[in-house]
N, C-alpha and C. Protein backbone atom coordinates (compact mmCIF):
# COMPACT_ATOMS: atom_id res chain seq x y z
N MET A 1 0.84 -1.16 0.00
CA MET A 1 0.00 0.00 0.00
C MET A 1 0.90 1.24 0.00
N PRO A 2 0.68 2.14 -0.94
CA PRO A 2 1.51 3.34 -0.98
C PRO A 2 1.12 4.34 0.10
N TYR A 3 2.09 5.14 0.48
CA TYR A 3 1.88 6.25 1.42
C TYR A 3 2.23 7.54 0.72
N PHE A 4 1.52 8.59 1.08
CA PHE A 4 1.72 9.89 0.46
C PHE A 4 2.17 10.90 1.50
N VAL A 5 3.17 11.68 1.14
CA VAL A 5 3.56 12.85 1.92
C VAL A 5 2.97 14.02 1.16
N TYR A 6 2.29 14.91 1.86
CA TYR A 6 1.60 15.98 1.15
C TYR A 6 1.78 17.32 1.85
N ILE A 7 1.62 18.36 1.07
CA ILE A 7 1.59 19.73 1.60
C ILE A 7 0.28 20.34 1.13
N ILE A 8 -0.47 20.89 2.08
CA ILE A 8 -1.70 21.59 1.75
C ILE A 8 -1.55 23.06 2.12
N LYS A 9 -2.26 23.88 1.37
CA LYS A 9 -2.30 25.31 1.67
C LYS A 9 -3.64 25.59 2.34
N CYS A 10 -3.57 26.22 3.51
CA CYS A 10 -4.77 26.56 4.26
C CYS A 10 -5.33 27.90 3.79
N SER A 11 -6.57 28.18 4.15
CA SER A 11 -7.23 29.41 3.72
C SER A 11 -6.52 30.67 4.20
N ASP A 12 -5.74 30.57 5.27
CA ASP A 12 -4.99 31.73 5.76
C ASP A 12 -3.60 31.84 5.13
N GLY A 13 -3.32 30.95 4.16
CA GLY A 13 -2.05 30.99 3.44
C GLY A 13 -0.95 30.15 4.06
N THR A 14 -1.19 29.58 5.24
CA THR A 14 -0.17 28.74 5.86
C THR A 14 -0.11 27.38 5.17
N LEU A 15 1.01 26.68 5.38
CA LEU A 15 1.22 25.37 4.79
C LEU A 15 1.22 24.31 5.88
N TYR A 16 0.66 23.15 5.58
CA TYR A 16 0.60 22.03 6.51
C TYR A 16 1.12 20.80 5.79
N THR A 17 1.99 20.05 6.44
CA THR A 17 2.57 18.83 5.86
C THR A 17 2.11 17.62 6.65
N GLY A 18 1.75 16.55 5.95
CA GLY A 18 1.31 15.33 6.61
C GLY A 18 1.55 14.11 5.75
N ILE A 19 1.16 12.94 6.27
CA ILE A 19 1.23 11.70 5.50
C ILE A 19 -0.12 11.00 5.59
N THR A 20 -0.38 10.15 4.60
CA THR A 20 -1.62 9.37 4.57
C THR A 20 -1.45 8.22 3.60
N ASN A 21 -2.35 7.26 3.66
CA ASN A 21 -2.36 6.19 2.66
C ASN A 21 -3.54 6.37 1.69
N ASP A 22 -4.34 7.41 1.90
CA ASP A 22 -5.45 7.73 0.98
C ASP A 22 -5.56 9.26 0.91
N ILE A 23 -4.89 9.83 -0.04
CA ILE A 23 -4.76 11.29 -0.09
C ILE A 23 -6.09 12.00 -0.35
N GLN A 24 -6.92 11.45 -1.22
CA GLN A 24 -8.20 12.10 -1.51
C GLN A 24 -9.09 12.12 -0.27
N LYS A 25 -9.13 11.01 0.43
CA LYS A 25 -9.93 10.93 1.66
C LYS A 25 -9.37 11.87 2.72
N ARG A 26 -8.06 11.95 2.82
CA ARG A 26 -7.44 12.80 3.85
C ARG A 26 -7.73 14.28 3.62
N ILE A 27 -7.69 14.72 2.36
CA ILE A 27 -8.01 16.11 2.05
C ILE A 27 -9.48 16.38 2.39
N LEU A 28 -10.35 15.44 2.07
CA LEU A 28 -11.76 15.56 2.42
C LEU A 28 -11.94 15.69 3.93
N VAL A 29 -11.23 14.87 4.68
CA VAL A 29 -11.30 14.92 6.15
C VAL A 29 -10.80 16.27 6.66
N HIS A 30 -9.69 16.76 6.09
CA HIS A 30 -9.19 18.07 6.50
C HIS A 30 -10.25 19.15 6.28
N ASN A 31 -11.02 19.03 5.22
CA ASN A 31 -11.99 20.06 4.87
C ASN A 31 -13.35 19.92 5.52
N THR A 32 -13.70 18.74 6.00
CA THR A 32 -15.07 18.53 6.45
C THR A 32 -15.24 17.92 7.84
N SER A 33 -14.28 17.18 8.29
CA SER A 33 -14.49 16.37 9.49
C SER A 33 -13.90 16.99 10.75
N LYS A 34 -14.47 16.62 11.87
CA LYS A 34 -13.91 17.03 13.17
C LYS A 34 -12.68 16.20 13.51
N THR A 35 -12.46 15.11 12.77
CA THR A 35 -11.31 14.25 13.05
C THR A 35 -10.08 14.63 12.22
N GLY A 36 -10.18 15.70 11.46
CA GLY A 36 -9.02 16.20 10.72
C GLY A 36 -8.01 16.79 11.69
N ALA A 37 -6.90 17.24 11.18
CA ALA A 37 -5.88 17.83 12.04
C ALA A 37 -6.43 19.08 12.74
N LYS A 38 -6.09 19.21 13.99
CA LYS A 38 -6.55 20.36 14.78
C LYS A 38 -6.08 21.67 14.12
N TYR A 39 -4.88 21.66 13.57
CA TYR A 39 -4.32 22.86 12.95
C TYR A 39 -5.18 23.34 11.78
N THR A 40 -5.66 22.42 10.96
CA THR A 40 -6.39 22.81 9.76
C THR A 40 -7.88 23.06 10.01
N ALA A 41 -8.39 22.63 11.14
CA ALA A 41 -9.83 22.75 11.41
C ALA A 41 -10.33 24.19 11.34
N SER A 42 -9.52 25.12 11.78
CA SER A 42 -9.93 26.53 11.77
C SER A 42 -9.38 27.27 10.55
N ARG A 43 -8.77 26.53 9.62
CA ARG A 43 -8.15 27.15 8.45
C ARG A 43 -8.69 26.59 7.14
N ARG A 44 -9.93 26.21 7.14
CA ARG A 44 -10.57 25.64 5.96
C ARG A 44 -11.04 26.72 5.02
N PRO A 45 -11.13 26.41 3.74
CA PRO A 45 -10.78 25.15 3.10
C PRO A 45 -9.28 25.04 2.88
N VAL A 46 -8.83 23.80 2.75
CA VAL A 46 -7.43 23.53 2.42
C VAL A 46 -7.37 23.02 0.99
N ILE A 47 -6.23 23.26 0.33
CA ILE A 47 -6.05 22.84 -1.06
C ILE A 47 -4.73 22.08 -1.16
N LEU A 48 -4.77 20.92 -1.76
CA LEU A 48 -3.56 20.13 -1.97
C LEU A 48 -2.62 20.89 -2.90
N GLN A 49 -1.38 21.07 -2.47
CA GLN A 49 -0.38 21.78 -3.26
C GLN A 49 0.71 20.85 -3.79
N TYR A 50 0.98 19.76 -3.05
CA TYR A 50 2.15 18.94 -3.37
C TYR A 50 1.97 17.57 -2.76
N SER A 51 2.46 16.54 -3.45
CA SER A 51 2.48 15.20 -2.86
C SER A 51 3.58 14.36 -3.47
N GLU A 52 4.06 13.43 -2.70
CA GLU A 52 5.05 12.44 -3.12
C GLU A 52 4.54 11.08 -2.67
N THR A 53 4.89 10.03 -3.39
CA THR A 53 4.44 8.68 -3.07
C THR A 53 5.62 7.83 -2.60
N TYR A 54 5.38 7.05 -1.56
CA TYR A 54 6.41 6.15 -1.01
C TYR A 54 5.83 4.76 -0.82
N ASP A 55 6.69 3.76 -0.93
CA ASP A 55 6.25 2.37 -0.81
C ASP A 55 6.01 1.94 0.63
N THR A 56 6.69 2.59 1.57
CA THR A 56 6.52 2.19 2.97
C THR A 56 6.19 3.40 3.85
N LYS A 57 5.54 3.13 4.95
CA LYS A 57 5.21 4.19 5.90
C LYS A 57 6.48 4.79 6.49
N SER A 58 7.47 3.95 6.72
CA SER A 58 8.73 4.42 7.30
C SER A 58 9.39 5.48 6.42
N LEU A 59 9.46 5.21 5.12
CA LEU A 59 10.05 6.18 4.20
C LEU A 59 9.23 7.47 4.16
N ALA A 60 7.92 7.34 4.17
CA ALA A 60 7.05 8.52 4.15
C ALA A 60 7.23 9.35 5.41
N LEU A 61 7.33 8.71 6.56
CA LEU A 61 7.53 9.43 7.82
C LEU A 61 8.86 10.18 7.83
N LYS A 62 9.89 9.55 7.28
CA LYS A 62 11.20 10.22 7.21
C LYS A 62 11.13 11.45 6.31
N ARG A 63 10.47 11.31 5.17
CA ARG A 63 10.35 12.44 4.25
C ARG A 63 9.49 13.55 4.85
N GLU A 64 8.41 13.17 5.53
CA GLU A 64 7.57 14.16 6.19
C GLU A 64 8.39 14.97 7.20
N ALA A 65 9.20 14.28 8.00
CA ALA A 65 10.03 14.96 8.99
C ALA A 65 10.99 15.92 8.31
N HIS A 66 11.56 15.49 7.18
CA HIS A 66 12.48 16.35 6.44
C HIS A 66 11.78 17.60 5.91
N ILE A 67 10.61 17.41 5.33
CA ILE A 67 9.86 18.55 4.77
C ILE A 67 9.44 19.51 5.88
N LYS A 68 9.04 18.98 7.02
CA LYS A 68 8.60 19.84 8.12
C LYS A 68 9.73 20.73 8.63
N LYS A 69 10.97 20.32 8.43
CA LYS A 69 12.12 21.12 8.85
C LYS A 69 12.45 22.23 7.85
N LEU A 70 11.89 22.15 6.65
CA LEU A 70 12.15 23.17 5.65
C LEU A 70 11.49 24.49 6.03
N THR A 71 12.07 25.58 5.56
CA THR A 71 11.44 26.87 5.76
C THR A 71 10.25 26.99 4.82
N ARG A 72 9.40 27.96 5.07
CA ARG A 72 8.26 28.21 4.17
C ARG A 72 8.75 28.45 2.75
N LYS A 73 9.79 29.24 2.61
CA LYS A 73 10.34 29.55 1.28
C LYS A 73 10.80 28.27 0.58
N GLN A 74 11.47 27.39 1.30
CA GLN A 74 11.93 26.13 0.71
C GLN A 74 10.75 25.24 0.30
N LYS A 75 9.69 25.24 1.10
CA LYS A 75 8.50 24.46 0.76
C LYS A 75 7.85 25.02 -0.50
N LEU A 76 7.78 26.34 -0.62
CA LEU A 76 7.20 26.95 -1.82
C LEU A 76 8.03 26.65 -3.06
N ILE A 77 9.35 26.59 -2.91
CA ILE A 77 10.22 26.20 -4.03
C ILE A 77 9.93 24.76 -4.43
N LEU A 78 9.78 23.87 -3.46
CA LEU A 78 9.45 22.46 -3.72
C LEU A 78 8.13 22.36 -4.49
N ILE A 79 7.13 23.12 -4.05
CA ILE A 79 5.82 23.13 -4.72
C ILE A 79 5.96 23.66 -6.13
N SER A 80 6.71 24.73 -6.31
CA SER A 80 6.84 25.35 -7.65
C SER A 80 7.59 24.43 -8.61
N LYS A 81 8.54 23.64 -8.11
CA LYS A 81 9.25 22.67 -8.97
C LYS A 81 8.29 21.63 -9.49
N LEU A 82 7.38 21.17 -8.65
CA LEU A 82 6.38 20.19 -9.08
C LEU A 82 5.49 20.80 -10.14
N GLU A 83 5.04 22.04 -9.91
CA GLU A 83 4.18 22.71 -10.87
C GLU A 83 4.86 22.90 -12.22
N SER A 84 6.14 23.26 -12.20
CA SER A 84 6.85 23.48 -13.47
C SER A 84 7.12 22.17 -14.18
N ASN A 85 7.27 21.07 -13.44
CA ASN A 85 7.46 19.75 -14.06
C ASN A 85 6.18 19.23 -14.70
N ASN A 86 5.03 19.69 -14.23
CA ASN A 86 3.75 19.21 -14.74
C ASN A 86 3.24 20.02 -15.92
N LYS A 87 3.94 21.09 -16.28
CA LYS A 87 3.51 21.88 -17.42
C LYS A 87 3.99 21.24 -18.71
N ILE A 88 3.17 21.32 -19.73
CA ILE A 88 3.51 20.71 -21.03
C ILE A 88 3.99 21.79 -21.97
């Protein structure tokens, strides 16, 4: 089962990083459920900005920890690299 490391942008412009094994469901939970992250509950709606896929939870947790240590500017650069790679 794949795991996803993701960055979402909250309505107040802040960024939140997390992991999940079902990214679509997790974004839905962040936006609608009381069981979403406490941080995002008051910052809805959230929008998925970035994601990476990993084969194991261990690898995803390590990458999440690494991304969380990045500055906001570094996270925005990471997001912009993904966006520029997806342009045709």
